[in-house]
Amino acid sequence: MKTIHFNFLTLLFIAISFTSCSNDDDAGTITSPVVTSRAENIPAPQQGGGGQPASGDFTKFSFSTGAVVANDSNDWDIAFRGSTIAINGGQVTGTTDEPARTGTTEAIIVDGTFASITSAPETGYTQDSTTGFSIPTGSGNGWYTYTGPPNHLILPIAGKVIVFKTSNGNYAKVEILSYYKDAPTNPDGTDSRFFTFNYTYNPNVGDRNF
């Protein structure tokens, strides 16, 4: 009877230990949910432009907080001024008043609808540099086209999705919807320099899935 009792306790201990280890393994695979949201009326004020040198602070935005951050903060991913988008990675381009790059964020423009981009590319990303911004400026070069007179509209190019790898190793994608306040269906050129965009952010480091 003593031998049987000893074996039963031994088996019970092994079973409890196995269950505990299994739970620990399961806990290690728990992931945070991917966030999809819409940022509205992110201001992008600018002095100059229209053939004159552009100046003024960029508005900084963080994917992890889903909000604009303080101008003196280093915890940002992308920043807006006029139609220009800077990323927190690489080097300053030489543009007046642009923010210092303290991170390692990278970006790539991918062709496709926002819904169809279900994972971030593995390679092909670039950073801002002395030769220009990672997200190109100018009509037809990056995310927008410029219509010229009479309305001088800045319109997002359909089928262009910007994908980012942030300084912390997270991935995000952005679809710019409008450059005008409250994202009017038919903008008339007034109330410009307000970005509205869809974005998806994966808070799990290294996970490229959206």
Protein backbone atom coordinates (compact mmCIF):
# COMPACT_ATOMS: atom_id res chain seq x y z
CA MET A 1 0.00 0.00 0.00
CA LYS A 2 2.84 2.40 0.74
CA THR A 3 4.32 1.83 -2.72
CA ILE A 4 0.99 2.50 -4.42
CA HIS A 5 0.48 5.68 -2.38
CA PHE A 6 3.97 6.92 -3.31
CA ASN A 7 3.40 6.31 -7.02
CA PHE A 8 0.06 8.14 -6.95
CA LEU A 9 1.62 11.21 -5.35
CA THR A 10 4.48 11.11 -7.82
CA LEU A 11 2.10 11.00 -10.78
CA LEU A 12 0.03 13.82 -9.30
CA PHE A 13 3.12 16.00 -8.91
CA ILE A 14 4.18 15.32 -12.51
CA ALA A 15 0.71 16.18 -13.80
CA ILE A 16 0.63 19.47 -11.88
CA SER A 17 4.12 20.38 -13.09
CA PHE A 18 3.21 19.59 -16.71
CA THR A 19 0.07 21.71 -16.49
CA SER A 20 2.01 24.59 -14.99
CA CYS A 21 4.62 24.45 -17.74
CA SER A 22 1.95 24.28 -20.40
CA ASN A 23 0.25 27.37 -18.99
CA ASP A 24 3.56 29.21 -18.95
CA ASP A 25 4.14 28.28 -22.59
CA ASP A 26 0.66 29.45 -23.52
CA ALA A 27 1.20 32.74 -21.71
CA GLY A 28 4.35 33.31 -23.74
CA THR A 29 2.37 33.23 -26.97
CA ILE A 30 -0.29 35.74 -25.95
CA THR A 31 -0.34 38.67 -28.38
CA SER A 32 -1.87 42.12 -28.22
CA PRO A 33 -4.65 42.92 -30.69
CA VAL A 34 -3.81 44.79 -33.86
CA VAL A 35 -5.22 48.34 -33.80
CA THR A 36 -7.03 49.86 -36.78
CA SER A 37 -8.20 53.44 -36.42
CA ARG A 38 -8.73 56.74 -38.21
CA ALA A 39 -6.77 59.89 -37.41
CA GLU A 40 -8.72 63.03 -38.23
CA ASN A 41 -7.68 66.63 -38.89
CA ILE A 42 -4.01 66.25 -37.97
CA PRO A 43 -2.73 69.81 -38.53
CA ALA A 44 0.19 70.36 -40.91
CA PRO A 45 0.72 74.15 -40.84
CA GLN A 46 3.42 75.67 -42.98
CA GLN A 47 4.87 79.06 -43.69
CA GLY A 48 6.03 79.84 -47.20
CA GLY A 49 5.54 77.39 -50.04
CA GLY A 50 4.16 78.21 -53.47
CA GLY A 51 7.66 78.78 -54.80
CA GLN A 52 8.93 80.27 -51.53
CA PRO A 53 11.06 78.38 -48.97
CA ALA A 54 8.86 76.37 -46.58
CA SER A 55 9.32 76.68 -42.83
CA GLY A 56 7.59 76.00 -39.53
CA ASP A 57 7.41 73.09 -37.11
CA PHE A 58 6.26 69.66 -38.19
CA THR A 59 3.34 68.05 -36.32
CA LYS A 60 4.54 64.77 -34.81
CA PHE A 61 2.35 61.66 -34.57
CA SER A 62 2.87 58.37 -32.71
CA PHE A 63 1.27 55.10 -33.85
CA SER A 64 1.58 53.53 -30.40
CA THR A 65 -0.47 56.29 -28.76
CA GLY A 66 -2.58 57.09 -31.80
CA ALA A 67 -2.15 60.80 -31.18
CA VAL A 68 -0.12 63.93 -31.84
CA VAL A 69 2.84 64.27 -29.47
CA ALA A 70 4.62 67.36 -28.15
CA ASN A 71 6.89 69.19 -30.54
CA ASP A 72 9.92 68.58 -28.32
CA SER A 73 9.21 64.84 -27.96
CA ASN A 74 11.49 62.20 -29.49
CA ASP A 75 8.74 59.56 -29.23
CA TRP A 76 7.20 59.97 -32.69
CA ASP A 77 6.95 57.98 -35.89
CA ILE A 78 5.77 60.39 -38.60
CA ALA A 79 5.47 64.17 -38.82
CA PHE A 80 3.54 66.51 -41.11
CA ARG A 81 4.13 69.99 -42.53
CA GLY A 82 2.24 71.07 -45.61
CA SER A 83 2.18 68.09 -47.97
CA THR A 84 5.52 66.81 -46.64
CA ILE A 85 5.72 63.74 -44.39
CA ALA A 86 8.89 63.12 -42.39
CA ILE A 87 9.72 59.89 -40.58
CA ASN A 88 11.74 59.45 -37.39
CA GLY A 89 14.58 57.60 -39.01
CA GLY A 90 17.68 58.48 -41.00
CA GLN A 91 19.01 62.02 -41.31
CA VAL A 92 17.65 65.50 -41.76
CA THR A 93 17.15 66.41 -45.40
CA GLY A 94 18.21 70.04 -45.00
CA THR A 95 14.68 71.45 -45.00
CA THR A 96 14.16 74.43 -42.69
CA ASP A 97 12.79 73.64 -39.21
CA GLU A 98 12.53 69.89 -39.77
CA PRO A 99 12.76 67.67 -36.66
CA ALA A 100 15.92 65.82 -35.68
CA ARG A 101 15.81 62.09 -36.42
CA THR A 102 16.42 60.24 -33.17
CA GLY A 103 14.85 56.90 -34.17
CA THR A 104 15.24 54.23 -36.83
CA THR A 105 11.79 54.32 -38.47
CA GLU A 106 11.65 53.17 -42.11
CA ALA A 107 8.94 53.49 -44.75
CA ILE A 108 7.87 52.05 -48.08
CA ILE A 109 4.97 52.88 -50.42
CA VAL A 110 3.05 49.79 -51.46
CA ASP A 111 0.55 49.55 -54.31
CA GLY A 112 -2.83 48.11 -53.33
CA THR A 113 -5.94 48.87 -51.35
CA PHE A 114 -5.72 49.40 -47.61
CA ALA A 115 -7.65 46.17 -46.99
CA SER A 116 -5.54 44.12 -49.39
CA ILE A 117 -2.24 44.89 -47.62
CA THR A 118 -2.46 42.21 -44.94
CA SER A 119 1.23 42.03 -44.06
CA ALA A 120 4.18 44.40 -44.17
CA PRO A 121 6.91 43.82 -46.75
CA GLU A 122 10.04 42.17 -45.42
CA THR A 123 12.46 44.44 -47.28
CA GLY A 124 12.58 47.57 -49.42
CA TYR A 125 12.21 50.23 -46.71
CA THR A 126 14.07 53.54 -46.77
CA GLN A 127 14.75 56.38 -44.36
CA ASP A 128 14.92 60.13 -44.69
CA SER A 129 18.33 61.30 -45.86
CA THR A 130 20.29 64.24 -47.21
CA THR A 131 19.01 63.32 -50.67
CA GLY A 132 15.34 63.64 -49.72
CA PHE A 133 12.42 62.25 -47.75
CA SER A 134 11.63 58.54 -47.69
CA ILE A 135 8.06 59.42 -48.70
CA PRO A 136 8.75 61.49 -51.84
CA THR A 137 7.40 65.00 -52.19
CA GLY A 138 5.97 66.49 -55.37
CA SER A 139 2.91 65.71 -57.48
CA GLY A 140 2.74 62.08 -58.55
CA ASN A 141 5.94 61.13 -56.74
CA GLY A 142 4.58 59.83 -53.46
CA TRP A 143 1.13 59.94 -51.89
CA TYR A 144 -0.58 62.83 -53.75
CA THR A 145 -1.22 64.65 -56.99
CA TYR A 146 -1.49 68.42 -57.41
CA THR A 147 -4.26 69.57 -59.74
CA GLY A 148 -3.01 73.10 -60.39
CA PRO A 149 -5.37 76.03 -61.06
CA PRO A 150 -8.05 76.99 -60.47
CA ASN A 151 -8.42 75.16 -57.14
CA HIS A 152 -4.83 74.00 -56.59
CA LEU A 153 -5.93 70.78 -54.90
CA ILE A 154 -3.74 68.21 -53.17
CA LEU A 155 -5.44 64.84 -53.68
CA PRO A 156 -4.32 61.43 -52.35
CA ILE A 157 -3.40 58.89 -55.03
CA ALA A 158 -5.75 55.91 -54.83
CA GLY A 159 -4.05 52.58 -54.26
CA LYS A 160 -1.01 53.97 -52.43
CA VAL A 161 -0.48 52.60 -48.92
CA ILE A 162 2.49 53.69 -46.81
CA VAL A 163 3.94 50.93 -44.62
CA PHE A 164 6.25 51.68 -41.71
CA LYS A 165 8.67 49.77 -39.53
CA THR A 166 8.97 51.86 -36.37
CA SER A 167 11.99 52.45 -34.17
CA ASN A 168 10.67 49.83 -31.72
CA GLY A 169 10.29 47.18 -34.43
CA ASN A 170 6.52 47.49 -34.83
CA TYR A 171 4.75 47.68 -38.17
CA ALA A 172 2.05 50.09 -39.29
CA LYS A 173 0.25 50.95 -42.52
CA VAL A 174 -1.35 54.25 -43.52
CA GLU A 175 -3.91 55.23 -46.14
CA ILE A 176 -4.16 58.99 -46.52
CA LEU A 177 -7.78 60.01 -47.12
CA SER A 178 -7.71 63.78 -47.25
CA TYR A 179 -5.56 66.90 -47.01
CA TYR A 180 -8.52 69.10 -46.07
CA LYS A 181 -10.32 69.76 -42.79
CA ASP A 182 -13.12 67.31 -42.07
CA ALA A 183 -12.20 65.31 -45.22
CA PRO A 184 -14.79 66.73 -47.64
CA THR A 185 -15.82 64.50 -50.54
CA ASN A 186 -15.30 67.36 -53.00
CA PRO A 187 -12.74 69.78 -51.53
CA ASP A 188 -12.69 73.32 -52.89
CA GLY A 189 -9.14 74.09 -51.80
CA THR A 190 -10.02 75.87 -48.56
CA ASP A 191 -9.08 74.65 -45.06
CA SER A 192 -6.07 72.73 -46.32
CA ARG A 193 -3.16 71.18 -44.42
CA PHE A 194 -5.26 68.90 -42.24
CA PHE A 195 -4.48 65.20 -42.68
CA THR A 196 -7.10 62.51 -42.24
CA PHE A 197 -5.90 58.93 -42.64
CA ASN A 198 -6.68 55.33 -41.82
CA TYR A 199 -3.95 53.42 -40.05
CA THR A 200 -3.32 49.97 -38.67
CA TYR A 201 -0.69 49.41 -35.98
CA ASN A 202 0.62 46.05 -34.81
CA PRO A 203 1.84 46.42 -31.19
CA ASN A 204 3.61 43.06 -31.29
CA VAL A 205 7.30 43.63 -32.01
CA GLY A 206 8.48 41.98 -35.20
CA ASP A 207 5.02 40.81 -36.28
CA ARG A 208 4.40 41.98 -39.86
CA ASN A 209 0.76 40.93 -39.98
CA PHE A 210 -2.05 43.48 -40.17
